[in-house]
Amino acid sequence: MTKLTEQVSTAAVLGALGGAALGAGRGPRAVGLGALAGAAVLAASEYVARRRQRPDEIPALPHRILASGAVAAPLGWATGALTRQPPGRIAVVAGAVAGGLGIRPQKVLLGPAAGLAVRPAVAGSTPARAAAAAVVAYRIAAAALFRDPQVSLLAERAAPADLPFVVPLAARGRYVGTGFVRDLATHLGGAYTRDAAETGIVESLDELVGGDFYPAAVDPLVREFYEHTTRFALDIVPEWRTWVRPGYLLYQTALARPLGQANVPMNQRQALRGVVSRIDTIDQADGTRLRGWIRSYADDDEPIYVGIYTTYRRDGRGYVSVGFPLPGGSFTATLEPRLRPGGGLTLTSRGTRADAGHYLTVVDPDTGELTTLTAPGFGEELQVWADDGELRADHAFSLFGLPFLVLRYRIRRKP
């Protein structure tokens, strides 16, 4: 079976479910005809969209909107059957869920607004139609209002060498956890060292020279931290913006903790559990060394971050790429170094070159080929500087220019 055939077949199944849900409530004949019509329409749309799709491009927007409606319909039917809520209320909920998946704060607000807008029109309809109408209305409005892409397809089935700014190391199971580097060493056949002594997240800051960045101008203490990270201990104070707290609480509970990755403290109470930092390494047969910086809570070793740190050079500049393993893929932050006044160091995703940014990658388990999306709306900047014999760091994150989190670190040399 070819890839196109698989895609069209999947679309037909999705369309059949959506069509059946839209026909629910009018008898078995309506359900059957709806399933046939839905399968035919969405399969045809999938075929046309894929045939017109150019390399490294996602399918056309009209097809994606149609597919969203097909997904929303059975979910709306199931919600109505389980909760017995009226169609108008389900429309608002469906719009809110669609907006929430958009992540961007403006889209989060647009979702329920779209649900409210279609509510009068679907009041006498069915839950499936109400949900589909709300989601389609939201997708159309979002496309009209927000022209800049939230994510974009960078490459499909690319060789890792073609994307040097991506760290394509995926978790082999559903859980990442603090043992990821050990498991990776077994898979790669390299020599594993837990909590390697006298090791930094980079081998040398000299690897990053280029452009307007000169490692010689960096404060010696800052340089020591990057090249000998294991000599230091970290305390963390998270500062979340109010608007993002409810969403992050849901993410932390439903995803981060079960995944064992990207589990940032929600508040100071969680931060007071303490942070343990270590670097695990893998020495490979070709002479390269992989470095995994693992941060976990001191009381029970629950993972906070598991990041694989690499550096690479292109066009006379050096970059730091941090790969966060995920099941089946990874999320990579590629950061450009800059000098900070007073000898500090800044790493930013808003670099002067296109390589700096954030990338979500799916790794083909059989061929190792990469399908990579860029996330242009995600911003990150890390500043580290010396302050009276200690180090301070501010790690700031933003979505489409809206700040949502600053992690403030106090970094001290271990006794």
Protein backbone atom coordinates (compact mmCIF):
# COMPACT_ATOMS: atom_id res chain seq x y z
CA MET A 1 0.00 0.00 0.00
CA THR A 2 1.44 3.37 -1.02
CA LYS A 3 1.65 6.32 1.33
CA LEU A 4 -1.04 8.19 -0.64
CA THR A 5 -3.37 5.20 -0.43
CA GLU A 6 -2.86 5.01 3.33
CA GLN A 7 -3.60 8.73 3.70
CA VAL A 8 -6.75 8.54 1.58
CA SER A 9 -7.95 5.42 3.43
CA THR A 10 -7.43 7.09 6.81
CA ALA A 11 -9.34 10.15 5.59
CA ALA A 12 -12.18 7.92 4.40
CA VAL A 13 -12.52 6.33 7.82
CA LEU A 14 -12.44 9.75 9.50
CA GLY A 15 -15.01 11.08 7.05
CA ALA A 16 -17.27 8.07 7.62
CA LEU A 17 -17.24 8.66 11.38
CA GLY A 18 -17.98 12.35 10.89
CA GLY A 19 -20.76 11.70 8.40
CA ALA A 20 -22.36 9.05 10.60
CA ALA A 21 -22.30 11.42 13.57
CA LEU A 22 -23.90 14.19 11.52
CA GLY A 23 -26.66 11.79 10.45
CA ALA A 24 -27.32 10.57 14.00
CA GLY A 25 -30.83 11.20 15.26
CA ARG A 26 -32.51 10.65 11.87
CA GLY A 27 -32.56 6.89 11.81
CA PRO A 28 -30.21 4.13 10.60
CA ARG A 29 -30.64 5.06 6.93
CA ALA A 30 -29.47 8.62 7.55
CA VAL A 31 -26.50 7.37 9.55
CA GLY A 32 -25.48 4.97 6.77
CA LEU A 33 -25.85 7.55 4.02
CA GLY A 34 -24.00 10.09 6.11
CA ALA A 35 -21.12 7.67 6.63
CA LEU A 36 -20.88 6.95 2.88
CA ALA A 37 -21.06 10.63 1.96
CA GLY A 38 -18.53 11.62 4.62
CA ALA A 39 -16.09 8.94 3.52
CA ALA A 40 -16.38 9.94 -0.13
CA VAL A 41 -16.05 13.68 0.47
CA LEU A 42 -13.11 13.57 2.86
CA ALA A 43 -11.27 10.89 0.86
CA ALA A 44 -11.63 12.98 -2.31
CA SER A 45 -10.49 16.09 -0.48
CA GLU A 46 -7.48 14.21 0.92
CA TYR A 47 -6.54 12.90 -2.52
CA VAL A 48 -6.72 16.33 -4.16
CA ALA A 49 -4.85 18.03 -1.30
CA ARG A 50 -2.05 15.45 -1.32
CA ARG A 51 -1.68 15.55 -5.11
CA ARG A 52 -1.36 19.33 -5.03
CA GLN A 53 0.90 19.34 -1.98
CA ARG A 54 4.43 20.53 -2.72
CA PRO A 55 7.53 19.10 -1.02
CA ASP A 56 7.90 20.22 2.61
CA GLU A 57 4.42 21.76 2.60
CA ILE A 58 1.36 20.87 4.66
CA PRO A 59 -1.99 20.13 2.94
CA ALA A 60 -4.14 23.04 1.82
CA LEU A 61 -6.12 24.99 4.43
CA PRO A 62 -9.62 24.12 3.08
CA HIS A 63 -8.88 20.41 3.48
CA ARG A 64 -7.55 20.92 6.99
CA ILE A 65 -10.70 22.83 7.96
CA LEU A 66 -12.91 20.10 6.50
CA ALA A 67 -10.96 17.45 8.41
CA SER A 68 -11.34 19.45 11.64
CA GLY A 69 -15.10 19.43 11.20
CA ALA A 70 -15.04 15.67 10.58
CA VAL A 71 -13.13 15.13 13.82
CA ALA A 72 -15.41 17.46 15.80
CA ALA A 73 -18.66 15.79 14.74
CA PRO A 74 -18.23 12.38 16.46
CA LEU A 75 -16.69 14.06 19.49
CA GLY A 76 -19.71 16.34 19.71
CA TRP A 77 -22.05 13.36 19.35
CA ALA A 78 -20.23 11.50 22.15
CA THR A 79 -20.29 14.57 24.40
CA GLY A 80 -24.01 15.00 23.87
CA ALA A 81 -24.71 11.33 24.55
CA LEU A 82 -22.69 11.33 27.76
CA THR A 83 -23.66 14.71 29.22
CA ARG A 84 -27.13 15.34 27.74
CA GLN A 85 -26.14 18.98 27.25
CA PRO A 86 -28.03 21.05 24.64
CA PRO A 87 -26.40 21.65 21.23
CA GLY A 88 -25.84 25.36 21.87
CA ARG A 89 -23.78 24.64 24.96
CA ILE A 90 -21.79 21.94 23.16
CA ALA A 91 -20.99 24.47 20.41
CA VAL A 92 -19.42 26.80 22.96
CA VAL A 93 -17.43 23.97 24.52
CA ALA A 94 -16.23 22.73 21.12
CA GLY A 95 -15.11 26.24 20.18
CA ALA A 96 -13.30 26.61 23.49
CA VAL A 97 -11.48 23.30 23.04
CA ALA A 98 -10.45 24.22 19.49
CA GLY A 99 -9.21 27.60 20.66
CA GLY A 100 -7.29 26.01 23.51
CA LEU A 101 -5.49 23.73 21.05
CA GLY A 102 -4.45 26.87 19.19
CA ILE A 103 -2.24 27.79 22.21
CA ARG A 104 -1.89 31.43 21.10
CA PRO A 105 -3.75 33.54 23.72
CA GLN A 106 -5.77 35.34 21.04
CA LYS A 107 -6.89 32.00 19.62
CA VAL A 108 -7.82 30.75 23.08
CA LEU A 109 -10.24 33.68 23.34
CA LEU A 110 -11.47 33.31 19.77
CA GLY A 111 -12.56 29.68 20.29
CA PRO A 112 -15.48 30.22 22.70
CA ALA A 113 -16.40 33.41 20.81
CA ALA A 114 -16.87 31.33 17.66
CA GLY A 115 -18.97 28.86 19.64
CA LEU A 116 -21.18 31.65 20.93
CA ALA A 117 -21.53 33.08 17.43
CA VAL A 118 -22.93 29.85 15.96
CA ARG A 119 -24.99 28.99 19.03
CA PRO A 120 -28.26 30.57 17.79
CA ALA A 121 -27.96 28.76 14.46
CA VAL A 122 -27.42 25.32 16.01
CA ALA A 123 -29.85 25.58 18.93
CA GLY A 124 -32.33 23.23 17.23
CA SER A 125 -29.70 20.96 15.71
CA THR A 126 -27.79 17.95 17.05
CA PRO A 127 -24.67 17.91 19.25
CA ALA A 128 -22.55 16.58 16.37
CA ARG A 129 -23.59 19.37 14.02
CA ALA A 130 -23.18 21.98 16.72
CA ALA A 131 -19.63 20.88 17.47
CA ALA A 132 -18.68 20.65 13.79
CA ALA A 133 -20.16 24.08 13.03
CA ALA A 134 -18.33 25.71 15.94
CA VAL A 135 -14.97 24.19 15.02
CA VAL A 136 -15.30 25.04 11.33
CA ALA A 137 -16.34 28.61 12.19
CA TYR A 138 -13.38 28.94 14.51
CA ARG A 139 -10.92 27.59 11.92
CA ILE A 140 -12.20 29.97 9.24
CA ALA A 141 -12.06 32.98 11.57
CA ALA A 142 -8.59 32.05 12.83
CA ALA A 143 -7.29 31.71 9.28
CA ALA A 144 -8.66 35.14 8.39
CA LEU A 145 -7.38 36.91 11.52
CA PHE A 146 -3.99 35.24 12.06
CA ARG A 147 -1.99 35.09 8.84
CA ASP A 148 1.35 34.19 10.40
CA PRO A 149 1.64 30.41 10.87
CA GLN A 150 1.60 28.89 14.32
CA VAL A 151 3.67 26.00 13.01
CA SER A 152 5.01 25.32 9.54
CA LEU A 153 6.40 22.22 7.88
CA LEU A 154 10.15 22.61 7.42
CA ALA A 155 11.08 19.20 6.04
CA GLU A 156 9.46 15.84 5.37
CA ARG A 157 11.45 12.60 5.40
CA ALA A 158 14.77 14.47 5.54
CA ALA A 159 18.13 12.99 6.45
CA PRO A 160 19.45 14.13 9.87
CA ALA A 161 22.54 15.60 8.18
CA ASP A 162 20.27 17.99 6.29
CA LEU A 163 18.94 19.46 9.55
CA PRO A 164 22.04 20.05 11.74
CA PHE A 165 20.07 22.37 14.05
CA VAL A 166 17.76 19.49 15.10
CA VAL A 167 18.65 16.98 17.82
CA PRO A 168 16.82 13.88 16.52
CA LEU A 169 16.98 11.66 19.62
CA ALA A 170 13.59 10.21 20.45
CA ALA A 171 12.42 8.33 23.52
CA ARG A 172 11.92 4.69 22.65
CA GLY A 173 8.96 4.26 24.99
CA ARG A 174 6.17 6.43 26.33
CA TYR A 175 8.23 7.73 29.24
CA VAL A 176 11.39 9.83 29.06
CA GLY A 177 12.54 10.14 32.68
CA THR A 178 15.94 10.51 34.28
CA GLY A 179 17.17 7.20 32.84
CA PHE A 180 16.87 8.32 29.23
CA VAL A 181 20.61 8.76 28.59
CA ARG A 182 21.37 5.32 30.07
CA ASP A 183 18.77 3.70 27.82
CA LEU A 184 20.07 5.66 24.83
CA ALA A 185 23.61 4.44 25.49
CA THR A 186 22.36 0.84 25.40
CA HIS A 187 20.64 1.50 22.08
CA LEU A 188 23.66 3.27 20.54
CA GLY A 189 26.24 0.92 21.98
CA GLY A 190 28.24 3.75 23.58
CA ALA A 191 30.02 3.98 26.91
CA TYR A 192 27.64 5.44 29.49
CA THR A 193 28.74 7.55 32.46
CA ARG A 194 26.19 8.63 35.05
CA ASP A 195 26.78 11.99 36.71
CA ALA A 196 30.06 12.59 34.88
CA ALA A 197 32.53 14.63 36.94
CA GLU A 198 34.07 17.87 35.68
CA THR A 199 31.69 17.98 32.73
CA GLY A 200 29.88 20.90 31.14
CA ILE A 201 26.88 21.22 28.88
CA VAL A 202 29.37 22.31 26.20
CA GLU A 203 32.93 21.16 25.70
CA SER A 204 34.21 24.71 25.20
CA LEU A 205 32.67 28.13 24.59
CA ASP A 206 35.25 28.51 21.82
CA GLU A 207 33.00 26.26 19.74
CA LEU A 208 30.49 29.14 19.61
CA VAL A 209 32.77 31.91 18.32
CA GLY A 210 31.46 33.84 15.35
CA GLY A 211 29.47 36.88 14.35
CA ASP A 212 29.54 39.36 17.23
CA PHE A 213 30.21 36.69 19.87
CA TYR A 214 33.73 36.45 21.29
CA PRO A 215 34.21 33.87 24.08
CA ALA A 216 37.26 35.74 25.38
CA ALA A 217 34.94 38.53 26.54
CA VAL A 218 32.83 36.21 28.72
CA ASP A 219 33.30 36.39 32.50
CA PRO A 220 35.50 33.45 33.69
CA LEU A 221 32.82 32.29 36.15
CA VAL A 222 30.17 32.21 33.42
CA ARG A 223 32.55 30.30 31.19
CA GLU A 224 33.32 27.86 33.97
CA PHE A 225 29.62 27.16 34.45
CA TYR A 226 29.11 26.21 30.81
CA GLU A 227 32.31 24.14 30.54
CA HIS A 228 32.14 22.56 34.03
CA THR A 229 28.43 22.61 34.85
CA THR A 230 28.69 19.77 37.35
CA ARG A 231 30.68 22.00 39.71
CA PHE A 232 27.54 24.06 40.38
CA ALA A 233 24.20 23.67 42.16
CA LEU A 234 21.00 25.45 41.11
CA ASP A 235 18.02 26.97 42.91
CA ILE A 236 15.01 27.91 40.82
CA VAL A 237 12.17 30.42 41.25
CA PRO A 238 9.39 30.15 38.62
CA GLU A 239 7.39 33.25 37.71
CA TRP A 240 4.33 32.32 35.66
CA ARG A 241 2.01 34.92 34.14
CA THR A 242 -1.51 34.61 35.51
CA TRP A 243 -3.17 33.99 32.14
CA VAL A 244 -1.19 30.82 31.49
CA ARG A 245 -1.47 29.16 34.90
CA PRO A 246 -4.74 27.21 34.34
CA GLY A 247 -3.51 25.80 31.04
CA TYR A 248 -0.13 24.86 32.45
CA LEU A 249 -1.69 23.13 35.45
CA LEU A 250 -3.69 20.95 33.06
CA TYR A 251 -0.59 20.30 30.92
CA GLN A 252 1.55 19.40 33.93
CA THR A 253 -1.02 16.97 35.32
CA ALA A 254 -2.12 15.32 32.07
CA LEU A 255 1.10 15.33 30.07
CA ALA A 256 4.37 16.47 31.68
CA ARG A 257 4.34 14.20 34.73
CA PRO A 258 3.16 11.05 32.91
CA LEU A 259 5.73 11.80 30.19
CA GLY A 260 8.64 12.49 32.56
CA GLN A 261 9.73 15.57 30.60
CA ALA A 262 9.37 19.39 30.66
CA ASN A 263 7.86 19.35 34.15
CA VAL A 264 8.70 22.90 35.28
CA PRO A 265 7.68 23.86 38.85
CA MET A 266 4.25 25.43 38.93
CA ASN A 267 4.97 27.61 41.94
CA GLN A 268 7.49 28.32 44.66
CA ARG A 269 6.10 25.52 46.82
CA GLN A 270 7.07 22.97 44.18
CA ALA A 271 10.42 24.70 43.64
CA LEU A 272 11.24 24.34 47.35
CA ARG A 273 11.44 20.59 46.83
CA GLY A 274 14.94 21.40 45.57
CA VAL A 275 16.63 20.71 42.26
CA VAL A 276 19.24 18.03 41.59
CA SER A 277 21.35 18.60 38.51
CA ARG A 278 23.63 16.08 36.81
CA ILE A 279 25.14 15.42 33.39
CA ASP A 280 25.13 11.90 31.97
CA THR A 281 27.40 11.23 29.01
CA ILE A 282 27.74 8.72 26.19
CA ASP A 283 31.14 8.25 24.54
CA GLN A 284 30.59 6.83 21.08
CA ALA A 285 32.87 4.80 18.85
CA ASP A 286 33.42 7.73 16.46
CA GLY A 287 34.91 9.81 19.29
CA THR A 288 31.90 12.06 19.83
CA ARG A 289 30.34 12.59 23.23
CA LEU A 290 26.65 13.07 23.91
CA ARG A 291 25.77 15.14 26.98
CA GLY A 292 22.43 14.87 28.72
CA TRP A 293 21.70 17.52 31.34
CA ILE A 294 19.15 16.06 33.74
CA ARG A 295 17.35 18.14 36.33
CA SER A 296 14.99 16.53 38.82
CA TYR A 297 13.34 17.25 42.17
CA ALA A 298 15.59 16.49 45.11
CA ASP A 299 12.97 14.72 47.22
CA ASP A 300 11.97 11.93 44.82
CA ASP A 301 14.03 12.36 41.59
CA GLU A 302 10.89 13.27 39.60
CA PRO A 303 12.13 14.64 36.25
CA ILE A 304 12.03 18.36 35.51
CA TYR A 305 14.03 18.47 32.29
CA VAL A 306 15.98 15.95 30.26
CA GLY A 307 17.93 17.81 27.59
CA ILE A 308 20.61 16.65 25.15
CA TYR A 309 23.08 19.49 24.57
CA THR A 310 25.00 19.79 21.32
CA THR A 311 26.85 22.52 19.44
CA TYR A 312 27.33 22.96 15.73
CA ARG A 313 28.76 25.53 13.34
CA ARG A 314 27.48 26.93 10.09
CA ASP A 315 28.53 29.93 8.02
CA GLY A 316 31.16 30.94 10.54
CA ARG A 317 28.83 30.95 13.55
CA GLY A 318 28.35 28.58 16.45
CA TYR A 319 25.01 27.55 17.96
CA VAL A 320 23.77 25.59 20.96
CA SER A 321 21.03 23.05 20.19
CA VAL A 322 19.13 21.47 23.07
CA GLY A 323 17.03 18.44 22.21
CA PHE A 324 14.23 17.40 24.56
CA PRO A 325 13.38 13.75 23.78
CA LEU A 326 9.72 12.83 23.32
CA PRO A 327 8.05 9.53 22.44
CA GLY A 328 8.74 9.07 18.73
CA GLY A 329 10.49 12.41 18.29
CA SER A 330 11.98 15.46 19.95
CA PHE A 331 11.56 19.16 20.56
CA THR A 332 14.71 21.17 19.79
CA ALA A 333 15.64 24.68 20.87
CA THR A 334 18.50 26.06 18.76
CA LEU A 335 19.95 29.17 20.36
CA GLU A 336 22.35 31.82 19.10
CA PRO A 337 25.00 33.11 21.55
CA ARG A 338 25.43 36.82 22.26
CA LEU A 339 27.55 38.81 24.67
CA ARG A 340 25.74 40.35 27.62
CA PRO A 341 27.06 43.58 29.18
CA GLY A 342 29.45 42.89 32.04
CA GLY A 343 30.76 39.60 30.67
CA GLY A 344 27.50 37.69 30.74
CA LEU A 345 26.20 35.33 28.07
CA THR A 346 22.85 35.36 26.30
CA LEU A 347 21.43 32.45 24.31
CA THR A 348 18.40 33.42 22.24
CA SER A 349 16.05 31.81 19.75
CA ARG A 350 15.50 35.22 18.14
CA GLY A 351 18.80 35.07 16.33
CA THR A 352 20.08 36.94 13.31
CA ARG A 353 20.17 33.72 11.27
CA ALA A 354 17.38 31.35 10.33
CA ASP A 355 18.88 28.41 12.22
CA ALA A 356 17.92 29.81 15.63
CA GLY A 357 14.43 28.72 16.63
CA HIS A 358 12.31 25.82 17.83
CA TYR A 359 11.65 22.59 15.99
CA LEU A 360 9.26 19.71 16.62
CA THR A 361 10.51 16.53 14.94
CA VAL A 362 9.10 13.07 14.34
CA VAL A 363 11.76 10.40 13.80
CA ASP A 364 10.94 7.45 11.54
CA PRO A 365 11.87 4.42 13.70
CA ASP A 366 12.85 2.32 10.64
CA THR A 367 14.79 4.76 8.45
CA GLY A 368 15.77 7.52 10.90
CA GLU A 369 14.33 10.12 8.52
CA LEU A 370 12.97 13.33 10.02
CA THR A 371 9.71 15.20 9.57
CA THR A 372 10.21 18.59 11.20
CA LEU A 373 7.91 21.49 12.01
CA THR A 374 9.05 24.95 13.03
CA ALA A 375 7.30 26.88 15.83
CA PRO A 376 7.97 30.54 14.94
CA GLY A 377 5.67 31.87 17.64
CA PHE A 378 7.68 30.34 20.49
CA GLY A 379 10.41 32.59 21.92
CA GLU A 380 13.17 31.77 24.39
CA GLU A 381 16.07 33.71 25.89
CA LEU A 382 18.54 32.63 28.56
CA GLN A 383 20.81 35.18 30.24
CA VAL A 384 23.61 34.17 32.62
CA TRP A 385 25.82 36.65 34.47
CA ALA A 386 28.14 36.87 37.48
CA ASP A 387 26.91 38.68 40.58
CA ASP A 388 29.20 39.11 43.58
CA GLY A 389 30.95 35.78 43.20
CA GLU A 390 27.79 33.83 42.30
CA LEU A 391 25.87 33.35 39.10
CA ARG A 392 22.38 34.48 38.22
CA ALA A 393 20.30 33.38 35.27
CA ASP A 394 16.95 34.44 33.82
CA HIS A 395 15.31 32.02 31.41
CA ALA A 396 12.39 33.78 29.69
CA PHE A 397 9.72 32.25 27.42
CA SER A 398 7.07 33.88 25.25
CA LEU A 399 4.28 32.98 22.82
CA PHE A 400 3.83 35.31 19.86
CA GLY A 401 5.51 38.09 21.77
CA LEU A 402 3.51 37.57 24.97
CA PRO A 403 5.75 36.60 27.94
CA PHE A 404 4.37 33.69 29.92
CA LEU A 405 7.22 32.39 32.10
CA VAL A 406 10.55 33.45 33.60
CA LEU A 407 12.69 30.93 35.45
CA ARG A 408 15.08 32.74 37.78
CA TYR A 409 18.12 30.72 38.81
CA ARG A 410 20.63 31.20 41.59
CA ILE A 411 23.73 29.21 40.69
CA ARG A 412 26.34 28.46 43.35
CA ARG A 413 29.52 26.46 43.34
CA LYS A 414 29.08 23.16 45.17
CA PRO A 415 30.98 22.77 48.48
